[in-house]
Amino acid sequence: MKKLLIILVLLILLGGGGAAAWWFFLRPQEEGAEPVVEEAPPPVLSQIGIGPFPVSVIKDGSPTREFWFQINLTFDNPENQAWVSERLPLVQDTMIAELHGLLPRKIVEQEGYNPEFLRERLRKVLAEKYGTGRFYDVTIVNMEIRELK
């Protein structure tokens, strides 16, 4: 008798849960009722252009290549843009230091100085140093390579 009572209680709970799921999630919509769709407003984007600025690759004590970069920093929040505008020389110095460390490496040279790889590294370094939500995007607008040999 106890087993039947336990089975009956479980069936009532499962049936009630199934009915609630159908009622709230699977029930067809009533005619004339429009589905409620909340759309988030698109973010208002702004940007700061940095450059053009040079980055030299030095090997054996003499410059071998010179790179000229023009970079855009994109923001989805005006407070972040104001914060970066106040610290723009520090942000630019962070980017130049990372590029000076990356460009002489053999693996970067073998990949043909891929701008997408450089962009991802700049995004990562800026996010680590200044916070993950500070920059919406970092874009390399122009990268020119000049041989100095």
Protein backbone atom coordinates (compact mmCIF):
# COMPACT_ATOMS: atom_id res chain seq x y z
CA MET A 1 0.00 0.00 0.00
CA LYS A 2 2.86 2.36 0.83
CA LYS A 3 4.43 1.68 -2.56
CA LEU A 4 1.20 2.56 -4.36
CA LEU A 5 0.91 5.78 -2.38
CA ILE A 6 4.50 6.77 -3.26
CA ILE A 7 3.92 5.96 -6.94
CA LEU A 8 0.68 7.97 -6.92
CA VAL A 9 2.43 11.02 -5.38
CA LEU A 10 5.26 10.79 -7.95
CA LEU A 11 2.78 10.56 -10.83
CA ILE A 12 0.90 13.60 -9.55
CA LEU A 13 4.16 15.58 -9.24
CA LEU A 14 5.36 14.57 -12.71
CA GLY A 15 1.95 15.26 -14.24
CA GLY A 16 1.76 18.64 -12.53
CA GLY A 17 5.27 19.55 -13.72
CA GLY A 18 4.49 18.49 -17.27
CA ALA A 19 1.24 20.46 -17.26
CA ALA A 20 3.03 23.56 -15.94
CA ALA A 21 5.74 23.24 -18.58
CA TRP A 22 3.13 22.96 -21.32
CA TRP A 23 1.10 25.87 -19.92
CA PHE A 24 4.03 28.29 -19.62
CA PHE A 25 6.33 27.24 -22.45
CA LEU A 26 4.68 25.00 -25.06
CA ARG A 27 1.10 26.25 -25.23
CA PRO A 28 0.15 27.76 -28.62
CA GLN A 29 -0.31 31.52 -28.56
CA GLU A 30 -3.79 32.96 -28.57
CA GLU A 31 -5.06 34.42 -31.82
CA GLY A 32 -4.52 38.16 -32.11
CA ALA A 33 -1.90 38.21 -29.39
CA GLU A 34 1.47 39.48 -30.56
CA PRO A 35 4.56 37.81 -29.15
CA VAL A 36 6.47 39.97 -26.72
CA VAL A 37 9.99 40.53 -28.00
CA GLU A 38 12.23 42.89 -26.10
CA GLU A 39 14.96 44.27 -28.27
CA ALA A 40 17.97 45.81 -26.67
CA PRO A 41 18.93 49.10 -28.25
CA PRO A 42 22.13 48.88 -30.27
CA PRO A 43 25.15 50.33 -28.50
CA VAL A 44 26.23 53.81 -29.50
CA LEU A 45 29.79 53.36 -30.69
CA SER A 46 32.51 55.99 -30.67
CA GLN A 47 36.18 55.79 -31.44
CA ILE A 48 39.56 57.40 -30.93
CA GLY A 49 42.14 57.29 -33.70
CA ILE A 50 45.78 56.83 -32.72
CA GLY A 51 48.62 57.38 -35.13
CA PRO A 52 50.21 57.10 -37.45
CA PHE A 53 53.15 56.12 -35.27
CA PRO A 54 56.35 54.20 -36.11
CA VAL A 55 57.65 51.01 -34.58
CA SER A 56 61.17 49.98 -35.58
CA VAL A 57 62.49 46.42 -35.63
CA ILE A 58 66.12 46.39 -34.53
CA LYS A 59 68.38 43.40 -35.14
CA ASP A 60 72.10 43.30 -34.38
CA GLY A 61 72.09 46.92 -33.26
CA SER A 62 70.67 48.43 -36.42
CA PRO A 63 67.09 48.96 -37.60
CA THR A 64 66.00 46.51 -40.31
CA ARG A 65 62.33 47.37 -40.74
CA GLU A 66 60.06 50.22 -39.85
CA PHE A 67 56.32 49.73 -39.32
CA TRP A 68 53.82 52.58 -39.41
CA PHE A 69 50.56 51.88 -37.60
CA GLN A 70 47.26 53.68 -37.48
CA ILE A 71 44.92 52.21 -34.86
CA ASN A 72 41.33 52.94 -33.87
CA LEU A 73 40.02 52.24 -30.38
CA THR A 74 36.24 51.71 -30.38
CA PHE A 75 34.04 52.23 -27.31
CA ASP A 76 30.42 51.39 -26.53
CA ASN A 77 30.31 53.58 -23.43
CA PRO A 78 31.08 57.33 -23.31
CA GLU A 79 32.56 56.98 -19.80
CA ASN A 80 35.13 54.49 -21.09
CA GLN A 81 36.07 56.82 -23.95
CA ALA A 82 36.52 59.74 -21.53
CA TRP A 83 38.59 57.54 -19.20
CA VAL A 84 40.89 56.45 -22.07
CA SER A 85 41.12 60.01 -23.44
CA GLU A 86 42.58 61.13 -20.11
CA ARG A 87 45.14 58.30 -20.23
CA LEU A 88 45.79 58.23 -23.99
CA PRO A 89 49.61 58.54 -23.76
CA LEU A 90 49.73 55.54 -21.39
CA VAL A 91 47.46 53.48 -23.65
CA GLN A 92 49.55 54.34 -26.70
CA ASP A 93 52.74 53.48 -24.81
CA THR A 94 51.25 50.10 -23.85
CA MET A 95 50.47 49.36 -27.50
CA ILE A 96 53.91 50.48 -28.73
CA ALA A 97 55.68 48.40 -26.06
CA GLU A 98 53.67 45.30 -27.06
CA LEU A 99 54.38 45.87 -30.77
CA HIS A 100 58.10 46.37 -30.04
CA GLY A 101 58.08 43.02 -28.26
CA LEU A 102 56.09 41.20 -30.96
CA LEU A 103 57.43 42.39 -34.29
CA PRO A 104 61.07 41.15 -33.95
CA ARG A 105 59.90 37.57 -33.20
CA LYS A 106 60.57 34.99 -35.87
CA ILE A 107 57.07 33.47 -35.69
CA VAL A 108 55.45 36.85 -36.41
CA GLU A 109 57.78 37.36 -39.35
CA GLN A 110 57.05 33.86 -40.71
CA GLU A 111 53.29 34.56 -40.57
CA GLY A 112 53.85 37.64 -42.72
CA TYR A 113 53.10 40.16 -39.95
CA ASN A 114 49.43 39.17 -39.88
CA PRO A 115 47.42 42.27 -38.79
CA GLU A 116 44.65 40.10 -37.30
CA PHE A 117 47.16 38.37 -34.99
CA LEU A 118 48.61 41.75 -33.95
CA ARG A 119 45.11 43.12 -33.32
CA GLU A 120 44.19 40.19 -31.08
CA ARG A 121 47.40 40.59 -29.09
CA LEU A 122 46.73 44.32 -28.64
CA ARG A 123 43.17 43.58 -27.48
CA LYS A 124 44.47 41.03 -25.00
CA VAL A 125 47.18 43.32 -23.58
CA LEU A 126 44.83 46.30 -23.26
CA ALA A 127 42.17 44.14 -21.58
CA GLU A 128 44.72 42.74 -19.10
CA LYS A 129 46.14 46.14 -18.22
CA TYR A 130 43.03 48.36 -18.25
CA GLY A 131 40.11 45.94 -17.75
CA THR A 132 38.08 43.67 -20.01
CA GLY A 133 35.10 45.98 -20.51
CA ARG A 134 37.10 49.14 -21.16
CA PHE A 135 37.50 48.71 -24.96
CA TYR A 136 34.79 47.52 -27.34
CA ASP A 137 37.23 46.86 -30.18
CA VAL A 138 40.77 47.58 -31.36
CA THR A 139 41.23 47.95 -35.11
CA ILE A 140 44.44 48.28 -37.10
CA VAL A 141 43.34 50.71 -39.80
CA ASN A 142 46.66 50.82 -41.61
CA MET A 143 49.98 49.01 -41.29
CA GLU A 144 52.82 49.91 -43.62
CA ILE A 145 56.14 48.04 -43.69
CA ARG A 146 59.30 49.72 -44.91
CA GLU A 147 62.59 47.85 -45.32
CA LEU A 148 65.62 49.81 -44.10
CA LYS A 149 68.45 47.60 -45.39
